[in-house]
Amino acid sequence: MAKAKYGYGWVLKFILAAILIGVGIYMVFADTVVFVITGIAIVIFSLFRVIPLLKSLNKEVLRTINLIEIIFDTIIGGVLIYIGIAHANQIGNNAAISLVYRFSLAFFFYARGLVYFSSVVFFGEKTEVPKFWIHIVSLTLGVLVASYPDFSERTIGFILLLISLVGASYLGVDGYGGYQKYRVFQKELNAVKAKESGVQTPGKDDQPIGDPVKDKEEERPYVN
């Protein structure tokens, strides 16, 4: 049996692309899902950074500041998840819940930018250009979310839909490349099997093979 030169990851990528698009569209119309997804994203972003971040920081004060930020972010994410599950019927109809969502998100973005710039400016933490601009955007988002009068869960729903479409497009293109490799390998495999079974498909350059005995007789001169 020939060794596979491809994987079946393209199948999973196609499925995930379809799921991303479906969830993205659904989030535009379901504020409850927006609460839960936002909360889960904040909790994952916070908890998954704890060990690598604290191990890589050289100053105790930086570890303390970042740990405080992570604790508050985790609490915010947990609150959003709780509201999305326990008070699903009130989301969209309760102004207080919308304010909690709005300022929780504003705090998350603004605190991330503030901690970053404090670490760089006051405590000498090294940085790179991409990180600098990412945290400029984070500060800007914090201010916009807090001050934009028409901001709501629906706004984040549209943003998440856009992110879902971008992610689905990436997975779809990557999956298409994987499927193309799969079909090339399948073509090669069929050619090998045909060769092993003695079946040869005639090509355009193949010439018919005549009878060598008959050919020699035709070349022999006749004597009258």
C-alpha atoms as a PDB file:
ATOM      1  CA  MET A   1       0.000   0.000   0.000  1.00  0.00           C
ATOM      2  CA  ALA A   2       1.366   3.407  -0.965  1.00  0.00           C
ATOM      3  CA  LYS A   3       2.245   5.780   1.835  1.00  0.00           C
ATOM      4  CA  ALA A   4      -0.121   8.737   1.984  1.00  0.00           C
ATOM      5  CA  LYS A   5       1.428  12.065   1.031  1.00  0.00           C
ATOM      6  CA  TYR A   6      -1.518  14.068   2.285  1.00  0.00           C
ATOM      7  CA  GLY A   7      -3.762  14.376   5.312  1.00  0.00           C
ATOM      8  CA  TYR A   8      -7.481  14.586   5.800  1.00  0.00           C
ATOM      9  CA  GLY A   9      -7.203  17.900   7.623  1.00  0.00           C
ATOM     10  CA  TRP A  10      -8.938  19.594   4.688  1.00  0.00           C
ATOM     11  CA  VAL A  11     -12.179  17.845   5.657  1.00  0.00           C
ATOM     12  CA  LEU A  12     -12.023  19.323   9.160  1.00  0.00           C
ATOM     13  CA  LYS A  13     -11.167  22.760   7.750  1.00  0.00           C
ATOM     14  CA  PHE A  14     -14.193  22.708   5.448  1.00  0.00           C
ATOM     15  CA  ILE A  15     -16.434  21.717   8.375  1.00  0.00           C
ATOM     16  CA  LEU A  16     -14.966  24.376  10.676  1.00  0.00           C
ATOM     17  CA  ALA A  17     -15.371  27.018   7.965  1.00  0.00           C
ATOM     18  CA  ALA A  18     -19.055  26.149   7.643  1.00  0.00           C
ATOM     19  CA  ILE A  19     -19.489  26.216  11.440  1.00  0.00           C
ATOM     20  CA  LEU A  20     -17.754  29.597  11.703  1.00  0.00           C
ATOM     21  CA  ILE A  21     -20.029  31.133   9.104  1.00  0.00           C
ATOM     22  CA  GLY A  22     -23.140  29.656  10.731  1.00  0.00           C
ATOM     23  CA  VAL A  23     -22.172  30.800  14.227  1.00  0.00           C
ATOM     24  CA  GLY A  24     -21.160  34.238  12.934  1.00  0.00           C
ATOM     25  CA  ILE A  25     -24.527  34.750  11.248  1.00  0.00           C
ATOM     26  CA  TYR A  26     -26.355  33.452  14.308  1.00  0.00           C
ATOM     27  CA  MET A  27     -24.521  35.847  16.647  1.00  0.00           C
ATOM     28  CA  VAL A  28     -25.859  38.837  14.738  1.00  0.00           C
ATOM     29  CA  PHE A  29     -29.394  37.833  15.748  1.00  0.00           C
ATOM     30  CA  ALA A  30     -28.745  36.256  19.167  1.00  0.00           C
ATOM     31  CA  ASP A  31     -27.403  38.623  21.818  1.00  0.00           C
ATOM     32  CA  THR A  32     -27.206  35.782  24.325  1.00  0.00           C
ATOM     33  CA  VAL A  33     -24.594  33.999  22.227  1.00  0.00           C
ATOM     34  CA  VAL A  34     -22.607  37.240  21.939  1.00  0.00           C
ATOM     35  CA  PHE A  35     -22.448  37.486  25.744  1.00  0.00           C
ATOM     36  CA  VAL A  36     -21.313  33.890  26.162  1.00  0.00           C
ATOM     37  CA  ILE A  37     -18.776  33.932  23.296  1.00  0.00           C
ATOM     38  CA  THR A  38     -17.289  37.233  24.497  1.00  0.00           C
ATOM     39  CA  GLY A  39     -16.990  35.917  28.039  1.00  0.00           C
ATOM     40  CA  ILE A  40     -15.367  32.666  26.926  1.00  0.00           C
ATOM     41  CA  ALA A  41     -12.901  34.550  24.711  1.00  0.00           C
ATOM     42  CA  ILE A  42     -11.881  36.847  27.588  1.00  0.00           C
ATOM     43  CA  VAL A  43     -11.457  33.940  30.037  1.00  0.00           C
ATOM     44  CA  ILE A  44      -9.361  31.930  27.565  1.00  0.00           C
ATOM     45  CA  PHE A  45      -7.219  34.957  26.691  1.00  0.00           C
ATOM     46  CA  SER A  46      -6.628  35.594  30.398  1.00  0.00           C
ATOM     47  CA  LEU A  47      -6.002  32.108  31.791  1.00  0.00           C
ATOM     48  CA  PHE A  48      -3.873  30.801  28.935  1.00  0.00           C
ATOM     49  CA  ARG A  49      -1.419  33.677  29.467  1.00  0.00           C
ATOM     50  CA  VAL A  50      -0.832  33.160  33.172  1.00  0.00           C
ATOM     51  CA  ILE A  51       2.074  30.697  33.307  1.00  0.00           C
ATOM     52  CA  PRO A  52       4.038  31.832  30.201  1.00  0.00           C
ATOM     53  CA  LEU A  53       3.635  35.500  31.131  1.00  0.00           C
ATOM     54  CA  LEU A  54       4.638  35.193  34.782  1.00  0.00           C
ATOM     55  CA  LYS A  55       7.624  32.995  33.914  1.00  0.00           C
ATOM     56  CA  SER A  56       8.922  35.418  31.281  1.00  0.00           C
ATOM     57  CA  LEU A  57       8.617  38.668  33.290  1.00  0.00           C
ATOM     58  CA  ASN A  58      11.801  39.625  35.141  1.00  0.00           C
ATOM     59  CA  LYS A  59      10.422  42.074  37.687  1.00  0.00           C
ATOM     60  CA  GLU A  60       8.127  41.205  40.546  1.00  0.00           C
ATOM     61  CA  VAL A  61       6.139  44.416  40.130  1.00  0.00           C
ATOM     62  CA  LEU A  62       5.368  43.491  36.505  1.00  0.00           C
ATOM     63  CA  ARG A  63       4.215  40.035  37.565  1.00  0.00           C
ATOM     64  CA  THR A  64       1.927  41.606  40.165  1.00  0.00           C
ATOM     65  CA  ILE A  65       0.413  44.154  37.758  1.00  0.00           C
ATOM     66  CA  ASN A  66      -0.221  41.584  35.032  1.00  0.00           C
ATOM     67  CA  LEU A  67      -1.623  39.058  37.507  1.00  0.00           C
ATOM     68  CA  ILE A  68      -4.088  41.666  38.822  1.00  0.00           C
ATOM     69  CA  GLU A  69      -5.184  42.410  35.252  1.00  0.00           C
ATOM     70  CA  ILE A  70      -5.650  38.703  34.522  1.00  0.00           C
ATOM     71  CA  ILE A  71      -7.726  38.210  37.685  1.00  0.00           C
ATOM     72  CA  PHE A  72     -10.045  41.120  36.828  1.00  0.00           C
ATOM     73  CA  ASP A  73     -10.356  39.980  33.197  1.00  0.00           C
ATOM     74  CA  THR A  74     -11.238  36.447  34.302  1.00  0.00           C
ATOM     75  CA  ILE A  75     -13.919  37.807  36.629  1.00  0.00           C
ATOM     76  CA  ILE A  76     -15.335  39.967  33.817  1.00  0.00           C
ATOM     77  CA  GLY A  77     -15.414  36.994  31.449  1.00  0.00           C
ATOM     78  CA  GLY A  78     -17.129  34.864  34.081  1.00  0.00           C
ATOM     79  CA  VAL A  79     -19.748  37.548  34.702  1.00  0.00           C
ATOM     80  CA  LEU A  80     -20.526  37.832  30.976  1.00  0.00           C
ATOM     81  CA  ILE A  81     -20.884  34.050  30.684  1.00  0.00           C
ATOM     82  CA  TYR A  82     -23.179  33.988  33.732  1.00  0.00           C
ATOM     83  CA  ILE A  83     -25.363  36.784  32.364  1.00  0.00           C
ATOM     84  CA  GLY A  84     -25.554  35.126  28.949  1.00  0.00           C
ATOM     85  CA  ILE A  85     -26.781  31.859  30.506  1.00  0.00           C
ATOM     86  CA  ALA A  86     -28.742  32.876  33.605  1.00  0.00           C
ATOM     87  CA  HIS A  87     -30.367  36.062  32.279  1.00  0.00           C
ATOM     88  CA  ALA A  88     -30.747  35.179  28.612  1.00  0.00           C
ATOM     89  CA  ASN A  89     -34.347  36.408  28.478  1.00  0.00           C
ATOM     90  CA  GLN A  90     -33.423  39.886  29.729  1.00  0.00           C
ATOM     91  CA  ILE A  91     -30.576  40.540  27.311  1.00  0.00           C
ATOM     92  CA  GLY A  92     -31.595  43.180  24.803  1.00  0.00           C
ATOM     93  CA  ASN A  93     -34.466  44.379  27.001  1.00  0.00           C
ATOM     94  CA  ASN A  94     -32.561  45.384  30.114  1.00  0.00           C
ATOM     95  CA  ALA A  95     -30.510  48.585  29.896  1.00  0.00           C
ATOM     96  CA  ALA A  96     -28.473  47.706  33.000  1.00  0.00           C
ATOM     97  CA  ILE A  97     -27.290  44.439  31.448  1.00  0.00           C
ATOM     98  CA  SER A  98     -26.284  46.258  28.261  1.00  0.00           C
ATOM     99  CA  LEU A  99     -24.271  48.742  30.335  1.00  0.00           C
ATOM    100  CA  VAL A 100     -22.527  45.902  32.171  1.00  0.00           C
ATOM    101  CA  TYR A 101     -21.535  44.367  28.831  1.00  0.00           C
ATOM    102  CA  ARG A 102     -20.439  47.686  27.365  1.00  0.00           C
ATOM    103  CA  PHE A 103     -18.214  48.831  30.217  1.00  0.00           C
ATOM    104  CA  SER A 104     -16.849  45.339  30.876  1.00  0.00           C
ATOM    105  CA  LEU A 105     -15.596  45.253  27.308  1.00  0.00           C
ATOM    106  CA  ALA A 106     -14.283  48.825  27.566  1.00  0.00           C
ATOM    107  CA  PHE A 107     -12.386  47.934  30.753  1.00  0.00           C
ATOM    108  CA  PHE A 108     -10.892  44.828  29.143  1.00  0.00           C
ATOM    109  CA  PHE A 109      -9.489  46.691  26.135  1.00  0.00           C
ATOM    110  CA  TYR A 110      -8.376  49.797  28.024  1.00  0.00           C
ATOM    111  CA  ALA A 111      -6.744  47.851  30.867  1.00  0.00           C
ATOM    112  CA  ARG A 112      -4.752  45.745  28.390  1.00  0.00           C
ATOM    113  CA  GLY A 113      -3.382  48.835  26.686  1.00  0.00           C
ATOM    114  CA  LEU A 114      -2.735  50.639  29.975  1.00  0.00           C
ATOM    115  CA  VAL A 115      -0.820  47.711  31.510  1.00  0.00           C
ATOM    116  CA  TYR A 116       1.258  47.295  28.364  1.00  0.00           C
ATOM    117  CA  PHE A 117       2.309  50.945  28.104  1.00  0.00           C
ATOM    118  CA  SER A 118       2.947  51.150  31.856  1.00  0.00           C
ATOM    119  CA  SER A 119       5.254  48.138  31.598  1.00  0.00           C
ATOM    120  CA  VAL A 120       7.154  49.641  28.670  1.00  0.00           C
ATOM    121  CA  VAL A 121       7.411  53.247  29.862  1.00  0.00           C
ATOM    122  CA  PHE A 122       7.838  52.888  33.628  1.00  0.00           C
ATOM    123  CA  PHE A 123       9.412  49.447  34.064  1.00  0.00           C
ATOM    124  CA  GLY A 124      11.604  49.081  30.954  1.00  0.00           C
ATOM    125  CA  GLU A 125       9.822  46.106  29.404  1.00  0.00           C
ATOM    126  CA  LYS A 126      11.090  45.483  25.861  1.00  0.00           C
ATOM    127  CA  THR A 127       8.608  45.498  23.005  1.00  0.00           C
ATOM    128  CA  GLU A 128       8.199  45.313  19.222  1.00  0.00           C
ATOM    129  CA  VAL A 129       6.498  47.542  16.676  1.00  0.00           C
ATOM    130  CA  PRO A 130       3.508  45.190  16.020  1.00  0.00           C
ATOM    131  CA  LYS A 131       2.786  44.925  19.758  1.00  0.00           C
ATOM    132  CA  PHE A 132       2.943  48.706  20.083  1.00  0.00           C
ATOM    133  CA  TRP A 133       0.295  49.267  17.400  1.00  0.00           C
ATOM    134  CA  ILE A 134      -1.895  46.418  18.649  1.00  0.00           C
ATOM    135  CA  HIS A 135      -2.079  48.044  22.065  1.00  0.00           C
ATOM    136  CA  ILE A 136      -2.726  51.460  20.538  1.00  0.00           C
ATOM    137  CA  VAL A 137      -5.747  49.828  18.888  1.00  0.00           C
ATOM    138  CA  SER A 138      -6.688  48.234  22.226  1.00  0.00           C
ATOM    139  CA  LEU A 139      -6.698  51.600  23.999  1.00  0.00           C
ATOM    140  CA  THR A 140      -8.687  53.142  21.161  1.00  0.00           C
ATOM    141  CA  LEU A 141     -11.280  50.370  21.284  1.00  0.00           C
ATOM    142  CA  GLY A 142     -11.640  50.812  25.035  1.00  0.00           C
ATOM    143  CA  VAL A 143     -12.389  54.504  24.604  1.00  0.00           C
ATOM    144  CA  LEU A 144     -14.737  53.959  21.648  1.00  0.00           C
ATOM    145  CA  VAL A 145     -16.746  51.242  23.379  1.00  0.00           C
ATOM    146  CA  ALA A 146     -17.189  53.401  26.490  1.00  0.00           C
ATOM    147  CA  SER A 147     -18.066  56.610  24.644  1.00  0.00           C
ATOM    148  CA  TYR A 148     -19.940  55.479  21.526  1.00  0.00           C
ATOM    149  CA  PRO A 149     -23.633  56.171  22.313  1.00  0.00           C
ATOM    150  CA  ASP A 150     -25.122  53.552  19.980  1.00  0.00           C
ATOM    151  CA  PHE A 151     -22.830  50.721  21.035  1.00  0.00           C
ATOM    152  CA  SER A 152     -24.608  47.453  21.881  1.00  0.00           C
ATOM    153  CA  GLU A 153     -24.189  43.700  21.824  1.00  0.00           C
ATOM    154  CA  ARG A 154     -25.386  43.775  18.209  1.00  0.00           C
ATOM    155  CA  THR A 155     -22.296  45.818  17.276  1.00  0.00           C
ATOM    156  CA  ILE A 156     -20.020  43.099  18.624  1.00  0.00           C
ATOM    157  CA  GLY A 157     -22.197  40.547  16.845  1.00  0.00           C
ATOM    158  CA  PHE A 158     -21.410  42.178  13.501  1.00  0.00           C
ATOM    159  CA  ILE A 159     -17.709  42.381  14.370  1.00  0.00           C
ATOM    160  CA  LEU A 160     -17.679  38.688  15.312  1.00  0.00           C
ATOM    161  CA  LEU A 161     -19.473  37.904  12.045  1.00  0.00           C
ATOM    162  CA  LEU A 162     -16.711  39.703  10.142  1.00  0.00           C
ATOM    163  CA  ILE A 163     -14.042  37.796  12.078  1.00  0.00           C
ATOM    164  CA  SER A 164     -15.905  34.541  11.389  1.00  0.00           C
ATOM    165  CA  LEU A 165     -16.021  35.271   7.659  1.00  0.00           C
ATOM    166  CA  VAL A 166     -12.297  36.045   7.578  1.00  0.00           C
ATOM    167  CA  GLY A 167     -11.504  32.865   9.522  1.00  0.00           C
ATOM    168  CA  ALA A 168     -13.821  30.783   7.345  1.00  0.00           C
ATOM    169  CA  SER A 169     -12.197  32.195   4.196  1.00  0.00           C
ATOM    170  CA  TYR A 170      -8.750  31.284   5.502  1.00  0.00           C
ATOM    171  CA  LEU A 171      -9.841  27.766   6.440  1.00  0.00           C
ATOM    172  CA  GLY A 172     -11.647  27.360   3.105  1.00  0.00           C
ATOM    173  CA  VAL A 173      -8.605  28.377   1.038  1.00  0.00           C
ATOM    174  CA  ASP A 174      -6.312  26.204   3.148  1.00  0.00           C
ATOM    175  CA  GLY A 175      -8.753  23.307   2.898  1.00  0.00           C
ATOM    176  CA  TYR A 176      -8.946  23.760  -0.890  1.00  0.00           C
ATOM    177  CA  GLY A 177      -5.167  23.430  -1.089  1.00  0.00           C
ATOM    178  CA  GLY A 178      -5.295  20.248   0.987  1.00  0.00           C
ATOM    179  CA  TYR A 179      -8.059  18.792  -1.181  1.00  0.00           C
ATOM    180  CA  GLN A 180      -6.090  19.603  -4.326  1.00  0.00           C
ATOM    181  CA  LYS A 181      -3.088  17.672  -2.963  1.00  0.00           C
ATOM    182  CA  TYR A 182      -5.416  14.796  -2.109  1.00  0.00           C
ATOM    183  CA  ARG A 183      -6.723  14.618  -5.690  1.00  0.00           C
ATOM    184  CA  VAL A 184      -3.179  14.733  -7.152  1.00  0.00           C
ATOM    185  CA  PHE A 185      -2.144  11.866  -4.890  1.00  0.00           C
ATOM    186  CA  GLN A 186      -5.284   9.913  -5.829  1.00  0.00           C
ATOM    187  CA  LYS A 187      -4.431  10.342  -9.510  1.00  0.00           C
ATOM    188  CA  GLU A 188      -0.889   9.073  -8.934  1.00  0.00           C
ATOM    189  CA  LEU A 189      -2.216   6.148  -6.902  1.00  0.00           C
ATOM    190  CA  ASN A 190      -4.595   5.131  -9.683  1.00  0.00           C
ATOM    191  CA  ALA A 191      -1.746   5.275 -12.207  1.00  0.00           C
ATOM    192  CA  VAL A 192       0.413   3.011 -10.030  1.00  0.00           C
ATOM    193  CA  LYS A 193      -2.415   0.489  -9.591  1.00  0.00           C
ATOM    194  CA  ALA A 194      -3.068   0.450 -13.328  1.00  0.00           C
ATOM    195  CA  LYS A 195       0.614  -0.194 -14.017  1.00  0.00           C
ATOM    196  CA  GLU A 196       0.790  -3.004 -11.459  1.00  0.00           C
ATOM    197  CA  SER A 197      -2.257  -4.732 -12.973  1.00  0.00           C
ATOM    198  CA  GLY A 198      -0.798  -4.553 -16.492  1.00  0.00           C
ATOM    199  CA  VAL A 199      -3.401  -2.136 -17.803  1.00  0.00           C
ATOM    200  CA  GLN A 200      -1.925   0.661 -19.856  1.00  0.00           C
ATOM    201  CA  THR A 201      -3.919   3.528 -21.206  1.00  0.00           C
ATOM    202  CA  PRO A 202      -2.725   4.308 -24.750  1.00  0.00           C
ATOM    203  CA  GLY A 203      -1.445   7.821 -25.216  1.00  0.00           C
ATOM    204  CA  LYS A 204      -1.432  10.015 -28.247  1.00  0.00           C
ATOM    205  CA  ASP A 205       2.239   9.173 -28.988  1.00  0.00           C
ATOM    206  CA  ASP A 206       1.731   5.417 -28.794  1.00  0.00           C
ATOM    207  CA  GLN A 207       2.139   3.629 -32.180  1.00  0.00           C
ATOM    208  CA  PRO A 208       0.435   0.321 -33.019  1.00  0.00           C
ATOM    209  CA  ILE A 209       2.811  -2.610 -32.894  1.00  0.00           C
ATOM    210  CA  GLY A 210       2.736  -4.775 -36.004  1.00  0.00           C
ATOM    211  CA  ASP A 211       3.524  -8.465 -36.502  1.00  0.00           C
ATOM    212  CA  PRO A 212       7.347  -8.755 -36.812  1.00  0.00           C
ATOM    213  CA  VAL A 213       7.127 -12.027 -38.828  1.00  0.00           C
ATOM    214  CA  LYS A 214       4.697 -10.498 -41.295  1.00  0.00           C
ATOM    215  CA  ASP A 215       6.847  -7.398 -41.585  1.00  0.00           C
ATOM    216  CA  LYS A 216       9.901  -9.496 -42.468  1.00  0.00           C
ATOM    217  CA  GLU A 217       7.945 -11.400 -45.128  1.00  0.00           C
ATOM    218  CA  GLU A 218       6.804  -8.134 -46.703  1.00  0.00           C
ATOM    219  CA  GLU A 219      10.418  -6.915 -46.830  1.00  0.00           C
ATOM    220  CA  ARG A 220      11.641 -10.170 -48.560  1.00  0.00           C
ATOM    221  CA  PRO A 221      12.058  -9.687 -52.377  1.00  0.00           C
ATOM    222  CA  TYR A 222       9.870 -11.737 -54.684  1.00  0.00           C
ATOM    223  CA  VAL A 223      11.411 -13.630 -57.666  1.00  0.00           C
ATOM    224  CA  ASN A 224       9.188 -14.162 -60.696  1.00  0.00           C
END
